[in-house]
Amino acid sequence: MYEIVLGRPMDKSGFRTRMLAAAFLKEVGYIAGESNRPAICYNLADRNAVVGFPRRLSPRSGG
Protein backbone atom coordinates (compact mmCIF):
# COMPACT_ATOMS: atom_id res chain seq x y z
CA MET A 1 0.00 0.00 0.00
CA TYR A 2 2.76 2.47 0.89
CA GLU A 3 4.58 1.76 -2.39
CA ILE A 4 1.42 2.53 -4.36
CA VAL A 5 0.74 5.77 -2.49
CA LEU A 6 4.37 6.93 -2.69
CA GLY A 7 4.78 5.81 -6.28
CA ARG A 8 8.11 4.11 -5.67
CA PRO A 9 9.53 0.91 -4.19
CA MET A 10 10.44 0.90 -0.50
CA ASP A 11 13.17 -0.85 1.43
CA LYS A 12 11.13 -3.61 3.09
CA SER A 13 13.55 -4.21 5.98
CA GLY A 14 13.75 -0.48 6.78
CA PHE A 15 9.97 -0.18 6.71
CA ARG A 16 9.54 -3.15 9.07
CA THR A 17 12.20 -1.78 11.43
CA ARG A 18 10.45 1.58 11.48
CA MET A 19 7.03 0.08 12.23
CA LEU A 20 8.42 -2.06 15.06
CA ALA A 21 10.40 0.86 16.55
CA ALA A 22 7.22 2.96 16.62
CA ALA A 23 5.43 0.17 18.54
CA PHE A 24 2.92 0.12 15.67
CA LEU A 25 3.23 -3.63 15.05
CA LYS A 26 3.86 -6.65 17.23
CA GLU A 27 5.15 -10.05 16.17
CA VAL A 28 2.60 -12.81 16.69
CA GLY A 29 4.42 -15.84 15.32
CA TYR A 30 5.40 -17.58 12.12
CA ILE A 31 3.49 -19.06 9.24
CA ALA A 32 4.88 -21.98 7.28
CA GLY A 33 4.98 -21.83 3.52
CA GLU A 34 6.75 -23.47 0.64
CA SER A 35 10.10 -21.81 1.34
CA ASN A 36 12.60 -23.04 3.92
CA ARG A 37 12.21 -19.82 5.91
CA PRO A 38 8.79 -19.19 7.51
CA ALA A 39 7.23 -15.73 7.25
CA ILE A 40 6.85 -13.63 10.39
CA CYS A 41 3.27 -12.54 11.11
CA TYR A 42 2.39 -9.17 12.65
CA ASN A 43 -0.69 -7.54 14.15
CA LEU A 44 -1.36 -3.92 14.95
CA ALA A 45 -0.18 -3.28 18.50
CA ASP A 46 -3.11 -0.99 19.34
CA ARG A 47 -5.81 -0.16 16.79
CA ASN A 48 -6.87 2.92 18.78
CA ALA A 49 -3.41 4.44 19.24
CA VAL A 50 -2.19 7.39 17.22
CA VAL A 51 1.28 6.69 15.86
CA GLY A 52 3.74 9.39 14.87
CA PHE A 53 7.02 8.92 13.06
CA PRO A 54 10.09 11.13 13.39
CA ARG A 55 10.47 11.27 9.59
CA ARG A 56 7.87 11.30 6.85
CA LEU A 57 7.60 8.61 4.24
CA SER A 58 7.78 10.83 1.18
CA PRO A 59 8.38 10.16 -2.49
CA ARG A 60 11.86 10.78 -3.81
CA SER A 61 12.04 13.68 -6.18
CA GLY A 62 13.82 13.56 -9.51
CA GLY A 63 14.13 10.82 -12.11
PDB file of N, CA and C in Angstrom:
ATOM      1  N   MET A   1       0.824  -1.178   0.000  1.00  0.00           N
ATOM      2  CA  MET A   1       0.000   0.000   0.000  1.00  0.00           C
ATOM      3  C   MET A   1       0.874   1.250   0.000  1.00  0.00           C
ATOM      4  N   TYR A   2       1.897   1.293   0.836  1.00  0.00           N
ATOM      5  CA  TYR A   2       2.758   2.472   0.885  1.00  0.00           C
ATOM      6  C   TYR A   2       3.476   2.685  -0.441  1.00  0.00           C
ATOM      7  N   GLU A   3       3.903   1.618  -1.099  1.00  0.00           N
ATOM      8  CA  GLU A   3       4.576   1.757  -2.387  1.00  0.00           C
ATOM      9  C   GLU A   3       3.644   2.361  -3.435  1.00  0.00           C
ATOM     10  N   ILE A   4       2.391   1.984  -3.408  1.00  0.00           N
ATOM     11  CA  ILE A   4       1.423   2.526  -4.362  1.00  0.00           C
ATOM     12  C   ILE A   4       1.188   4.014  -4.085  1.00  0.00           C
ATOM     13  N   VAL A   5       1.000   4.375  -2.841  1.00  0.00           N
ATOM     14  CA  VAL A   5       0.744   5.769  -2.486  1.00  0.00           C
ATOM     15  C   VAL A   5       1.958   6.642  -2.798  1.00  0.00           C
ATOM     16  N   LEU A   6       3.157   6.152  -2.464  1.00  0.00           N
ATOM     17  CA  LEU A   6       4.370   6.932  -2.688  1.00  0.00           C
ATOM     18  C   LEU A   6       4.819   6.920  -4.148  1.00  0.00           C
ATOM     19  N   GLY A   7       4.392   5.910  -4.893  1.00  0.00           N
ATOM     20  CA  GLY A   7       4.775   5.808  -6.285  1.00  0.00           C
ATOM     21  C   GLY A   7       6.198   5.351  -6.497  1.00  0.00           C
ATOM     22  N   ARG A   8       6.746   4.627  -5.542  1.00  0.00           N
ATOM     23  CA  ARG A   8       8.113   4.114  -5.665  1.00  0.00           C
ATOM     24  C   ARG A   8       8.284   2.891  -4.762  1.00  0.00           C
ATOM     25  N   PRO A   9       9.265   2.046  -5.074  1.00  0.00           N
ATOM     26  CA  PRO A   9       9.532   0.907  -4.190  1.00  0.00           C
ATOM     27  C   PRO A   9      10.109   1.379  -2.852  1.00  0.00           C
ATOM     28  N   MET A  10       9.894   0.584  -1.826  1.00  0.00           N
ATOM     29  CA  MET A  10      10.436   0.900  -0.501  1.00  0.00           C
ATOM     30  C   MET A  10      11.368  -0.204  -0.055  1.00  0.00           C
ATOM     31  N   ASP A  11      12.308   0.134   0.807  1.00  0.00           N
ATOM     32  CA  ASP A  11      13.171  -0.853   1.428  1.00  0.00           C
ATOM     33  C   ASP A  11      12.339  -1.588   2.470  1.00  0.00           C
ATOM     34  N   LYS A  12      12.035  -2.848   2.210  1.00  0.00           N
ATOM     35  CA  LYS A  12      11.129  -3.607   3.086  1.00  0.00           C
ATOM     36  C   LYS A  12      11.679  -3.757   4.503  1.00  0.00           C
ATOM     37  N   SER A  13      12.991  -4.023   4.633  1.00  0.00           N
ATOM     38  CA  SER A  13      13.547  -4.210   5.981  1.00  0.00           C
ATOM     39  C   SER A  13      13.526  -2.902   6.760  1.00  0.00           C
ATOM     40  N   GLY A  14      13.797  -1.770   6.106  1.00  0.00           N
ATOM     41  CA  GLY A  14      13.750  -0.481   6.777  1.00  0.00           C
ATOM     42  C   GLY A  14      12.341  -0.128   7.218  1.00  0.00           C
ATOM     43  N   PHE A  15      11.365  -0.440   6.378  1.00  0.00           N
ATOM     44  CA  PHE A  15       9.969  -0.181   6.714  1.00  0.00           C
ATOM     45  C   PHE A  15       9.550  -0.990   7.936  1.00  0.00           C
ATOM     46  N   ARG A  16       9.879  -2.281   7.943  1.00  0.00           N
ATOM     47  CA  ARG A  16       9.535  -3.151   9.069  1.00  0.00           C
ATOM     48  C   ARG A  16      10.203  -2.653  10.349  1.00  0.00           C
ATOM     49  N   THR A  17      11.476  -2.289  10.273  1.00  0.00           N
ATOM     50  CA  THR A  17      12.201  -1.776  11.434  1.00  0.00           C
ATOM     51  C   THR A  17      11.527  -0.531  11.982  1.00  0.00           C
ATOM     52  N   ARG A  18      11.113   0.340  11.087  1.00  0.00           N
ATOM     53  CA  ARG A  18      10.452   1.582  11.483  1.00  0.00           C
ATOM     54  C   ARG A  18       9.109   1.329  12.174  1.00  0.00           C
ATOM     55  N   MET A  19       8.325   0.408  11.636  1.00  0.00           N
ATOM     56  CA  MET A  19       7.027   0.079  12.230  1.00  0.00           C
ATOM     57  C   MET A  19       7.191  -0.553  13.610  1.00  0.00           C
ATOM     58  N   LEU A  20       8.180  -1.428  13.755  1.00  0.00           N
ATOM     59  CA  LEU A  20       8.420  -2.058  15.058  1.00  0.00           C
ATOM     60  C   LEU A  20       8.947  -1.047  16.068  1.00  0.00           C
ATOM     61  N   ALA A  21       9.844  -0.151  15.646  1.00  0.00           N
ATOM     62  CA  ALA A  21      10.399   0.856  16.552  1.00  0.00           C
ATOM     63  C   ALA A  21       9.324   1.818  17.050  1.00  0.00           C
ATOM     64  N   ALA A  22       8.312   2.055  16.233  1.00  0.00           N
ATOM     65  CA  ALA A  22       7.220   2.961  16.619  1.00  0.00           C
ATOM     66  C   ALA A  22       6.163   2.251  17.469  1.00  0.00           C
ATOM     67  N   ALA A  23       6.392   0.972  17.771  1.00  0.00           N
ATOM     68  CA  ALA A  23       5.431   0.166  18.537  1.00  0.00           C
ATOM     69  C   ALA A  23       4.083   0.124  17.827  1.00  0.00           C
ATOM     70  N   PHE A  24       4.118   0.161  16.498  1.00  0.00           N
ATOM     71  CA  PHE A  24       2.920   0.118  15.667  1.00  0.00           C
ATOM     72  C   PHE A  24       2.491  -1.324  15.416  1.00  0.00           C
ATOM     73  N   LEU A  25       3.481  -2.208  15.293  1.00  0.00           N
ATOM     74  CA  LEU A  25       3.231  -3.627  15.048  1.00  0.00           C
ATOM     75  C   LEU A  25       3.814  -4.467  16.166  1.00  0.00           C
ATOM     76  N   LYS A  26       3.274  -5.676  16.308  1.00  0.00           N
ATOM     77  CA  LYS A  26       3.863  -6.647  17.234  1.00  0.00           C
ATOM     78  C   LYS A  26       3.913  -7.996  16.526  1.00  0.00           C
ATOM     79  N   GLU A  27       5.008  -8.716  16.748  1.00  0.00           N
ATOM     80  CA  GLU A  27       5.149 -10.052  16.175  1.00  0.00           C
ATOM     81  C   GLU A  27       4.192 -11.002  16.876  1.00  0.00           C
ATOM     82  N   VAL A  28       3.539 -11.854  16.097  1.00  0.00           N
ATOM     83  CA  VAL A  28       2.600 -12.806  16.688  1.00  0.00           C
ATOM     84  C   VAL A  28       2.944 -14.250  16.364  1.00  0.00           C
ATOM     85  N   GLY A  29       4.023 -14.469  15.621  1.00  0.00           N
ATOM     86  CA  GLY A  29       4.425 -15.838  15.321  1.00  0.00           C
ATOM     87  C   GLY A  29       4.868 -16.002  13.886  1.00  0.00           C
ATOM     88  N   TYR A  30       4.931 -17.238  13.462  1.00  0.00           N
ATOM     89  CA  TYR A  30       5.397 -17.579  12.124  1.00  0.00           C
ATOM     90  C   TYR A  30       4.329 -18.351  11.381  1.00  0.00           C
ATOM     91  N   ILE A  31       4.395 -18.277  10.070  1.00  0.00           N
ATOM     92  CA  ILE A  31       3.489 -19.060   9.242  1.00  0.00           C
ATOM     93  C   ILE A  31       4.340 -19.834   8.240  1.00  0.00           C
ATOM     94  N   ALA A  32       4.107 -21.127   8.182  1.00  0.00           N
ATOM     95  CA  ALA A  32       4.878 -21.983   7.283  1.00  0.00           C
ATOM     96  C   ALA A  32       4.380 -21.818   5.856  1.00  0.00           C
ATOM     97  N   GLY A  33       5.307 -21.907   4.938  1.00  0.00           N
ATOM     98  CA  GLY A  33       4.976 -21.827   3.523  1.00  0.00           C
ATOM     99  C   GLY A  33       5.832 -22.814   2.756  1.00  0.00           C
ATOM    100  N   GLU A  34       5.978 -22.563   1.475  1.00  0.00           N
ATOM    101  CA  GLU A  34       6.748 -23.468   0.637  1.00  0.00           C
ATOM    102  C   GLU A  34       8.248 -23.230   0.728  1.00  0.00           C
ATOM    103  N   SER A  35       8.669 -22.077   1.228  1.00  0.00           N
ATOM    104  CA  SER A  35      10.104 -21.810   1.339  1.00  0.00           C
ATOM    105  C   SER A  35      10.645 -22.443   2.619  1.00  0.00           C
ATOM    106  N   ASN A  36      11.958 -22.474   2.725  1.00  0.00           N
ATOM    107  CA  ASN A  36      12.597 -23.037   3.919  1.00  0.00           C
ATOM    108  C   ASN A  36      12.557 -22.088   5.102  1.00  0.00           C
ATOM    109  N   ARG A  37      12.240 -20.824   4.848  1.00  0.00           N
ATOM    110  CA  ARG A  37      12.210 -19.819   5.907  1.00  0.00           C
ATOM    111  C   ARG A  37      10.773 -19.354   6.113  1.00  0.00           C
ATOM    112  N   PRO A  38      10.188 -19.604   7.282  1.00  0.00           N
ATOM    113  CA  PRO A  38       8.794 -19.192   7.509  1.00  0.00           C
ATOM    114  C   PRO A  38       8.652 -17.671   7.596  1.00  0.00           C
ATOM    115  N   ALA A  39       7.518 -17.166   7.192  1.00  0.00           N
ATOM    116  CA  ALA A  39       7.232 -15.734   7.247  1.00  0.00           C
ATOM    117  C   ALA A  39       6.833 -15.346   8.670  1.00  0.00           C
ATOM    118  N   ILE A  40       7.242 -14.150   9.081  1.00  0.00           N
ATOM    119  CA  ILE A  40       6.852 -13.629  10.394  1.00  0.00           C
ATOM    120  C   ILE A  40       5.517 -12.914  10.233  1.00  0.00           C
ATOM    121  N   CYS A  41       4.594 -13.179  11.143  1.00  0.00           N
ATOM    122  CA  CYS A  41       3.271 -12.543  11.111  1.00  0.00           C
ATOM    123  C   CYS A  41       3.232 -11.409  12.130  1.00  0.00           C
ATOM    124  N   TYR A  42       2.518 -10.341  11.784  1.00  0.00           N
ATOM    125  CA  TYR A  42       2.391  -9.167  12.645  1.00  0.00           C
ATOM    126  C   TYR A  42       0.923  -8.785  12.794  1.00  0.00           C
ATOM    127  N   ASN A  43       0.603  -8.171  13.906  1.00  0.00           N
ATOM    128  CA  ASN A  43      -0.692  -7.543  14.146  1.00  0.00           C
ATOM    129  C   ASN A  43      -0.439  -6.104  14.551  1.00  0.00           C
ATOM    130  N   LEU A  44      -1.461  -5.272  14.418  1.00  0.00           N
ATOM    131  CA  LEU A  44      -1.357  -3.922  14.950  1.00  0.00           C
ATOM    132  C   LEU A  44      -1.253  -4.007  16.465  1.00  0.00           C
ATOM    133  N   ALA A  45      -0.365  -3.246  17.045  1.00  0.00           N
ATOM    134  CA  ALA A  45      -0.184  -3.278  18.495  1.00  0.00           C
ATOM    135  C   ALA A  45      -1.410  -2.722  19.206  1.00  0.00           C
ATOM    136  N   ASP A  46      -1.940  -1.613  18.723  1.00  0.00           N
ATOM    137  CA  ASP A  46      -3.113  -0.994  19.337  1.00  0.00           C
ATOM    138  C   ASP A  46      -3.876  -0.250  18.243  1.00  0.00           C
ATOM    139  N   ARG A  47      -5.029  -0.755  17.885  1.00  0.00           N
ATOM    140  CA  ARG A  47      -5.807  -0.156  16.795  1.00  0.00           C
ATOM    141  C   ARG A  47      -6.298   1.251  17.120  1.00  0.00           C
ATOM    142  N   ASN A  48      -6.361   1.608  18.389  1.00  0.00           N
ATOM    143  CA  ASN A  48      -6.870   2.921  18.779  1.00  0.00           C
ATOM    144  C   ASN A  48      -5.772   3.954  18.999  1.00  0.00           C
ATOM    145  N   ALA A  49      -4.514   3.524  18.969  1.00  0.00           N
ATOM    146  CA  ALA A  49      -3.409   4.437  19.239  1.00  0.00           C
ATOM    147  C   ALA A  49      -3.070   5.282  18.015  1.00  0.00           C
ATOM    148  N   VAL A  50      -2.704   6.515  18.266  1.00  0.00           N
ATOM    149  CA  VAL A  50      -2.194   7.387  17.216  1.00  0.00           C
ATOM    150  C   VAL A  50      -0.687   7.185  17.178  1.00  0.00           C
ATOM    151  N   VAL A  51      -0.148   6.951  16.000  1.00  0.00           N
ATOM    152  CA  VAL A  51       1.275   6.685  15.863  1.00  0.00           C
ATOM    153  C   VAL A  51       1.913   7.801  15.055  1.00  0.00           C
ATOM    154  N   GLY A  52       2.986   8.356  15.584  1.00  0.00           N
ATOM    155  CA  GLY A  52       3.736   9.388  14.873  1.00  0.00           C
ATOM    156  C   GLY A  52       5.126   8.868  14.551  1.00  0.00           C
ATOM    157  N   PHE A  53       5.685   9.338  13.477  1.00  0.00           N
ATOM    158  CA  PHE A  53       7.020   8.924  13.063  1.00  0.00           C
ATOM    159  C   PHE A  53       7.924  10.140  13.007  1.00  0.00           C
ATOM    160  N   PRO A  54       9.190   9.981  13.384  1.00  0.00           N
ATOM    161  CA  PRO A  54      10.093  11.127  13.386  1.00  0.00           C
ATOM    162  C   PRO A  54      10.378  11.673  11.991  1.00  0.00           C
ATOM    163  N   ARG A  55      10.272  10.830  10.973  1.00  0.00           N
ATOM    164  CA  ARG A  55      10.467  11.272   9.590  1.00  0.00           C
ATOM    165  C   ARG A  55       9.241  10.891   8.785  1.00  0.00           C
ATOM    166  N   ARG A  56       8.977  11.635   7.739  1.00  0.00           N
ATOM    167  CA  ARG A  56       7.871  11.303   6.849  1.00  0.00           C
ATOM    168  C   ARG A  56       8.320  10.272   5.845  1.00  0.00           C
ATOM    169  N   LEU A  57       7.378   9.489   5.376  1.00  0.00           N
ATOM    170  CA  LEU A  57       7.599   8.614   4.235  1.00  0.00           C
ATOM    171  C   LEU A  57       7.172   9.407   3.011  1.00  0.00           C
ATOM    172  N   SER A  58       8.122   9.966   2.306  1.00  0.00           N
ATOM    173  CA  SER A  58       7.776  10.825   1.178  1.00  0.00           C
ATOM    174  C   SER A  58       8.419  10.310  -0.103  1.00  0.00           C
ATOM    175  N   PRO A  59       7.808  10.605  -1.224  1.00  0.00           N
ATOM    176  CA  PRO A  59       8.384  10.164  -2.490  1.00  0.00           C
ATOM    177  C   PRO A  59       9.697  10.875  -2.772  1.00  0.00           C
ATOM    178  N   ARG A  60      10.605  10.157  -3.400  1.00  0.00           N
ATOM    179  CA  ARG A  60      11.862  10.775  -3.809  1.00  0.00           C
ATOM    180  C   ARG A  60      11.599  11.660  -5.013  1.00  0.00           C
ATOM    181  N   SER A  61      12.221  12.804  -5.033  1.00  0.00           N
ATOM    182  CA  SER A  61      12.045  13.684  -6.180  1.00  0.00           C
ATOM    183  C   SER A  61      13.110  13.381  -7.231  1.00  0.00           C
ATOM    184  N   GLY A  62      12.854  13.772  -8.430  1.00  0.00           N
ATOM    185  CA  GLY A  62      13.818  13.560  -9.507  1.00  0.00           C
ATOM    186  C   GLY A  62      13.517  12.312 -10.277  1.00  0.00           C
ATOM    187  N   GLY A  63      14.370  11.945 -11.233  1.00  0.00           N
ATOM    188  CA  GLY A  63      14.129  10.816 -12.108  1.00  0.00           C
ATOM    189  C   GLY A  63      15.006   9.739 -11.829  1.00  0.00           C
TER     190      GLY A  63
END
